[in-house]
Amino acid sequence: MDDERRSDPTSRLLEDFVREVSEQVVVPELPGRHRGPPRRAPGVPRGVRVLAAVVTVAAVVAAVALVVVYGPRSARISPGRTPATQPSPGPTQPTPGTTSTVPSVTATEQITYQPFTATGIDPSLHVTSQVTGTCIRYGGGAAGRFSYRCFSTPGGVYDPCFAGPTSTAAPLVCPTSPTSDDVVELAVTSITSNEPPSAAKIPWAMQLSGGQVCLLVSAAWGGLGPYACQASGNQESVADCHTPVAAQPLWTAACQAQETDASPFAASSVTKVWY
């Protein structure tokens, strides 16, 4: 500590000053220690000597205080050298137990397709054309609701079509896909079947785990179909599928890559079904 104090210029200056002033102070001798009379500076009045002693002592006290405050203590607590560059934080580590991948579907979602509001066709839908035709009514969809297979006058087939709040008195809505907003508006001229709703629910559309959407087609399929799958950008395309089988948590459907008798059927997971 002595070496540290002596290395500080301020400390050395103050200590020299204290030593020089201390040498000039006349300390009066205490009674009893010397038998002779007390020593006095010749020719100096006593009041002046007392005043000088007081001033000197005050100066010594002030100098000591400066040494304590600004001396080696401040040198010890001075900050160290600031580094030229600060270390940059490393990459953020993922929280244990989490992954960056999107979780896959774990259960089949059952959806009731509803293209109408209380006042008519849902305004969010886009009507691509308006046609007129006859329809066959059949059940098997959502509870208490009929579906229609319709034939327009120019020769188009629309399946399924759905009736709104006023039944067939207003145009039906025939979607091209449950995932598209494009629909056809069909005005019914006649209904050739009066089939009651079926207790068995059969989806009119389903979506496979690969993303393809397959629509129910009421036609003579033989051993193929009855779901025809729409074209998809996926590498593993599917042509058609059998009716999906309900299971927990995921439904399955037997599908084939090509619509031929030689193309084998393989099980595919179903992520969504629409009624």
Protein backbone atom coordinates (compact mmCIF):
# COMPACT_ATOMS: atom_id res chain seq x y z
CA MET A 1 0.00 0.00 0.00
CA ASP A 2 2.94 2.40 0.75
CA ASP A 3 4.33 1.88 -2.71
CA GLU A 4 0.91 2.57 -4.21
CA ARG A 5 0.48 5.76 -2.23
CA ARG A 6 3.96 7.01 -3.15
CA SER A 7 3.32 6.35 -6.85
CA ASP A 8 0.43 8.84 -6.85
CA PRO A 9 1.70 12.44 -7.55
CA THR A 10 -1.11 14.00 -5.53
CA SER A 11 -0.29 11.88 -2.52
CA ARG A 12 3.42 12.75 -2.68
CA LEU A 13 2.71 16.51 -2.91
CA LEU A 14 0.31 16.48 0.02
CA GLU A 15 2.59 14.40 2.22
CA ASP A 16 5.56 16.73 1.56
CA PHE A 17 3.35 19.69 2.44
CA VAL A 18 2.20 18.06 5.67
CA ARG A 19 5.78 17.21 6.64
CA GLU A 20 7.04 20.75 5.93
CA VAL A 21 4.23 22.40 7.90
CA SER A 22 4.62 19.95 10.78
CA GLU A 23 8.29 20.82 11.17
CA GLN A 24 7.38 24.46 11.70
CA VAL A 25 4.79 23.83 14.38
CA VAL A 26 5.86 24.66 17.94
CA VAL A 27 4.20 22.14 20.24
CA PRO A 28 3.97 23.44 23.82
CA GLU A 29 5.49 21.19 26.47
CA LEU A 30 3.17 19.68 29.04
CA PRO A 31 3.67 20.69 32.68
CA GLY A 32 5.70 18.26 34.78
CA ARG A 33 7.74 16.75 31.98
CA HIS A 34 10.51 19.36 32.16
CA ARG A 35 11.54 21.21 35.26
CA GLY A 36 12.70 24.24 33.36
CA PRO A 37 10.45 26.95 32.04
CA PRO A 38 8.59 26.33 28.74
CA ARG A 39 10.37 27.28 25.57
CA ARG A 40 9.01 30.24 23.66
CA ALA A 41 9.99 31.78 20.41
CA PRO A 42 11.91 34.91 21.22
CA GLY A 43 10.41 38.17 20.13
CA VAL A 44 7.01 36.75 19.12
CA PRO A 45 3.95 37.68 21.11
CA ARG A 46 2.06 34.82 22.72
CA GLY A 47 -1.25 35.56 20.91
CA VAL A 48 0.43 35.39 17.54
CA ARG A 49 2.04 32.07 18.39
CA VAL A 50 -1.30 30.58 19.45
CA LEU A 51 -2.99 31.78 16.27
CA ALA A 52 -0.19 30.33 14.14
CA ALA A 53 -0.48 26.99 15.93
CA VAL A 54 -4.27 26.86 15.32
CA VAL A 55 -3.89 27.72 11.63
CA THR A 56 -1.13 25.13 11.25
CA VAL A 57 -3.15 22.38 12.88
CA ALA A 58 -6.15 23.19 10.64
CA ALA A 59 -3.93 23.01 7.57
CA VAL A 60 -2.57 19.64 8.67
CA VAL A 61 -6.08 18.28 9.20
CA ALA A 62 -7.21 19.52 5.78
CA ALA A 63 -4.15 18.02 4.10
CA VAL A 64 -4.74 14.64 5.74
CA ALA A 65 -8.37 14.71 4.61
CA LEU A 66 -7.29 15.40 1.02
CA VAL A 67 -4.88 12.51 1.13
CA VAL A 68 -7.61 10.18 2.37
CA VAL A 69 -10.19 11.31 -0.20
CA TYR A 70 -8.04 11.82 -3.31
CA GLY A 71 -5.07 9.68 -2.54
CA PRO A 72 -4.51 5.97 -3.01
CA ARG A 73 -8.17 5.09 -2.36
CA SER A 74 -9.34 6.71 -5.59
CA ALA A 75 -6.53 5.00 -7.44
CA ARG A 76 -7.71 1.60 -6.20
CA ILE A 77 -11.32 2.03 -7.32
CA SER A 78 -10.61 3.59 -10.70
CA PRO A 79 -12.14 1.59 -13.57
CA GLY A 80 -9.94 -0.69 -15.58
CA ARG A 81 -9.14 -0.28 -19.24
CA THR A 82 -12.20 -0.45 -21.48
CA PRO A 83 -11.86 -3.13 -24.17
CA ALA A 84 -11.84 -1.90 -27.75
CA THR A 85 -14.64 -4.25 -28.73
CA GLN A 86 -17.44 -5.74 -26.70
CA PRO A 87 -18.12 -9.47 -27.08
CA SER A 88 -21.14 -10.09 -29.27
CA PRO A 89 -23.87 -12.38 -27.94
CA GLY A 90 -23.86 -15.88 -29.33
CA PRO A 91 -26.72 -17.37 -31.36
CA THR A 92 -29.96 -17.93 -29.52
CA GLN A 93 -30.43 -21.55 -28.62
CA PRO A 94 -33.89 -23.13 -29.06
CA THR A 95 -35.81 -23.93 -25.95
CA PRO A 96 -35.39 -27.60 -25.02
CA GLY A 97 -38.32 -29.69 -26.17
CA THR A 98 -39.39 -27.34 -29.00
CA THR A 99 -38.97 -27.77 -32.76
CA SER A 100 -39.15 -25.41 -35.70
CA THR A 101 -41.36 -27.72 -37.80
CA VAL A 102 -45.11 -27.23 -38.18
CA PRO A 103 -46.96 -29.95 -36.28
CA SER A 104 -48.87 -32.42 -38.45
CA VAL A 105 -52.63 -32.96 -38.26
CA THR A 106 -53.42 -35.46 -35.53
CA ALA A 107 -57.19 -35.86 -36.01
CA THR A 108 -59.66 -35.72 -38.89
CA GLU A 109 -61.76 -32.53 -38.93
CA GLN A 110 -65.47 -32.90 -39.81
CA ILE A 111 -66.98 -29.78 -41.43
CA THR A 112 -70.54 -28.93 -42.40
CA TYR A 113 -70.35 -26.95 -45.63
CA GLN A 114 -72.67 -23.94 -45.48
CA PRO A 115 -72.72 -21.60 -48.51
CA PHE A 116 -75.75 -19.61 -47.31
CA THR A 117 -76.54 -16.96 -44.76
CA ALA A 118 -80.00 -16.17 -43.36
CA THR A 119 -80.70 -13.90 -46.35
CA GLY A 120 -79.21 -15.85 -49.25
CA ILE A 121 -75.91 -16.89 -50.79
CA ASP A 122 -72.89 -16.06 -48.68
CA PRO A 123 -71.47 -12.82 -50.13
CA SER A 124 -67.92 -14.07 -49.60
CA LEU A 125 -68.47 -16.64 -52.36
CA HIS A 126 -67.75 -15.89 -56.01
CA VAL A 127 -70.52 -16.91 -58.43
CA THR A 128 -68.77 -17.85 -61.67
CA SER A 129 -71.92 -18.64 -63.67
CA GLN A 130 -75.71 -18.90 -63.45
CA VAL A 131 -77.41 -21.90 -65.04
CA THR A 132 -80.79 -23.65 -65.10
CA GLY A 133 -81.39 -27.38 -64.79
CA THR A 134 -83.12 -30.39 -63.29
CA CYS A 135 -81.94 -32.13 -60.14
CA ILE A 136 -82.04 -35.45 -58.32
CA ARG A 137 -82.35 -35.18 -54.57
CA TYR A 138 -80.56 -37.59 -52.29
CA GLY A 139 -79.58 -37.79 -48.64
CA GLY A 140 -76.53 -38.94 -46.74
CA GLY A 141 -75.05 -35.55 -46.00
CA ALA A 142 -75.43 -33.28 -42.98
CA ALA A 143 -78.28 -34.15 -40.66
CA GLY A 144 -81.66 -33.01 -42.01
CA ARG A 145 -80.17 -31.59 -45.22
CA PHE A 146 -80.56 -32.81 -48.77
CA SER A 147 -77.92 -32.74 -51.47
CA TYR A 148 -78.66 -32.50 -55.18
CA ARG A 149 -77.13 -33.85 -58.36
CA CYS A 150 -78.15 -31.46 -61.10
CA PHE A 151 -78.01 -31.33 -64.89
CA SER A 152 -78.01 -28.00 -66.61
CA THR A 153 -79.72 -27.38 -69.93
CA PRO A 154 -76.46 -27.01 -71.91
CA GLY A 155 -75.34 -30.46 -70.67
CA GLY A 156 -73.25 -29.77 -67.54
CA VAL A 157 -73.34 -31.94 -64.42
CA TYR A 158 -73.15 -30.34 -60.95
CA ASP A 159 -72.75 -32.56 -57.94
CA PRO A 160 -73.32 -31.74 -55.17
CA CYS A 161 -75.58 -28.72 -55.03
CA PHE A 162 -77.10 -27.30 -51.85
CA ALA A 163 -80.37 -25.53 -51.13
CA GLY A 164 -80.63 -22.42 -49.00
CA PRO A 165 -83.15 -21.14 -46.43
CA THR A 166 -86.00 -21.18 -48.95
CA SER A 167 -85.18 -24.67 -50.27
CA THR A 168 -85.40 -25.10 -54.05
CA ALA A 169 -87.54 -21.98 -54.51
CA ALA A 170 -84.26 -20.05 -54.75
CA PRO A 171 -81.20 -20.98 -56.80
CA LEU A 172 -78.97 -23.74 -55.47
CA VAL A 173 -75.26 -23.34 -54.86
CA CYS A 174 -72.95 -25.85 -56.52
CA PRO A 175 -69.32 -25.61 -55.30
CA THR A 176 -66.38 -26.67 -57.41
CA SER A 177 -64.35 -27.51 -54.28
CA PRO A 178 -64.80 -26.95 -50.53
CA THR A 179 -61.48 -25.10 -50.47
CA SER A 180 -62.46 -22.66 -53.25
CA ASP A 181 -64.76 -19.62 -53.18
CA ASP A 182 -65.93 -20.27 -56.77
CA VAL A 183 -69.50 -21.59 -57.02
CA VAL A 184 -72.20 -22.02 -59.65
CA GLU A 185 -75.70 -20.69 -59.09
CA LEU A 186 -78.32 -23.11 -60.42
CA ALA A 187 -82.05 -22.41 -60.76
CA VAL A 188 -84.07 -25.64 -60.45
CA THR A 189 -86.81 -26.35 -62.97
CA SER A 190 -87.79 -29.81 -61.64
CA ILE A 191 -86.79 -32.44 -59.10
CA THR A 192 -87.04 -36.03 -60.30
CA SER A 193 -86.47 -37.81 -56.98
CA ASN A 194 -87.99 -37.51 -53.54
CA GLU A 195 -85.49 -39.56 -51.57
CA PRO A 196 -85.58 -38.93 -47.79
CA PRO A 197 -82.36 -38.08 -45.96
CA SER A 198 -80.22 -41.13 -45.23
CA ALA A 199 -79.17 -42.05 -41.70
CA ALA A 200 -75.67 -42.83 -42.99
CA LYS A 201 -73.52 -39.73 -43.39
CA ILE A 202 -71.37 -39.76 -46.51
CA PRO A 203 -68.94 -36.86 -47.02
CA TRP A 204 -69.21 -35.08 -50.35
CA ALA A 205 -65.53 -34.12 -50.19
CA MET A 206 -62.39 -35.06 -48.31
CA GLN A 207 -58.82 -33.84 -48.13
CA LEU A 208 -55.89 -36.24 -47.92
CA SER A 209 -52.77 -35.73 -45.85
CA GLY A 210 -50.88 -34.81 -49.04
CA GLY A 211 -53.24 -31.86 -49.62
CA GLN A 212 -55.36 -33.24 -52.48
CA VAL A 213 -59.12 -32.76 -52.37
CA CYS A 214 -61.35 -35.59 -53.60
CA LEU A 215 -65.06 -35.12 -54.49
CA LEU A 216 -67.84 -37.70 -54.33
CA VAL A 217 -69.05 -38.52 -57.85
CA SER A 218 -72.35 -40.37 -58.15
CA ALA A 219 -71.51 -42.49 -61.17
CA ALA A 220 -71.01 -46.14 -62.16
CA TRP A 221 -67.46 -46.67 -60.96
CA GLY A 222 -67.32 -50.45 -60.78
CA GLY A 223 -64.39 -51.25 -58.48
CA LEU A 224 -62.98 -47.72 -58.68
CA GLY A 225 -64.00 -44.45 -57.05
CA PRO A 226 -66.47 -43.10 -56.04
CA TYR A 227 -64.22 -40.14 -55.08
CA ALA A 228 -62.40 -38.38 -57.89
CA CYS A 229 -59.36 -36.43 -56.73
CA GLN A 230 -58.58 -33.03 -58.15
CA ALA A 231 -55.21 -32.28 -59.69
CA SER A 232 -52.51 -31.25 -57.25
CA GLY A 233 -48.99 -29.90 -57.43
CA ASN A 234 -47.75 -32.61 -55.07
CA GLN A 235 -45.35 -35.16 -56.52
CA GLU A 236 -47.40 -38.08 -55.14
CA SER A 237 -50.70 -37.51 -56.96
CA VAL A 238 -53.84 -39.53 -56.34
CA ALA A 239 -56.45 -40.27 -59.02
CA ASP A 240 -59.41 -41.60 -57.04
CA CYS A 241 -60.34 -43.14 -53.71
CA HIS A 242 -62.86 -45.42 -52.06
CA THR A 243 -65.25 -44.08 -49.44
CA PRO A 244 -63.31 -42.98 -46.36
CA VAL A 245 -63.46 -45.09 -43.23
CA ALA A 246 -64.09 -43.29 -39.95
CA ALA A 247 -61.50 -44.00 -37.26
CA GLN A 248 -59.88 -42.33 -34.29
CA PRO A 249 -57.97 -40.12 -34.44
CA LEU A 250 -57.51 -40.13 -38.25
CA TRP A 251 -59.81 -41.41 -40.94
CA THR A 252 -58.32 -43.42 -43.78
CA ALA A 253 -59.22 -43.98 -47.42
CA ALA A 254 -57.95 -46.50 -49.96
CA CYS A 255 -56.68 -44.58 -52.97
CA GLN A 256 -54.90 -45.35 -56.22
CA ALA A 257 -52.43 -43.29 -58.20
CA GLN A 258 -54.03 -44.02 -61.60
CA GLU A 259 -57.62 -44.64 -62.52
CA THR A 260 -57.06 -48.11 -63.93
CA ASP A 261 -57.81 -51.64 -62.76
CA ALA A 262 -54.07 -52.38 -62.64
CA SER A 263 -53.29 -49.49 -60.26
CA PRO A 264 -53.22 -50.80 -56.67
CA PHE A 265 -55.05 -49.14 -53.80
CA ALA A 266 -53.06 -47.93 -50.78
CA ALA A 267 -54.23 -46.48 -47.50
CA SER A 268 -54.07 -42.69 -47.16
CA SER A 269 -54.76 -40.52 -44.14
CA VAL A 270 -57.74 -38.14 -44.33
CA THR A 271 -57.31 -34.76 -42.62
CA LYS A 272 -60.73 -33.19 -43.41
CA VAL A 273 -64.17 -34.31 -44.51
CA TRP A 274 -67.06 -32.07 -45.63
CA TYR A 275 -70.78 -32.87 -45.37
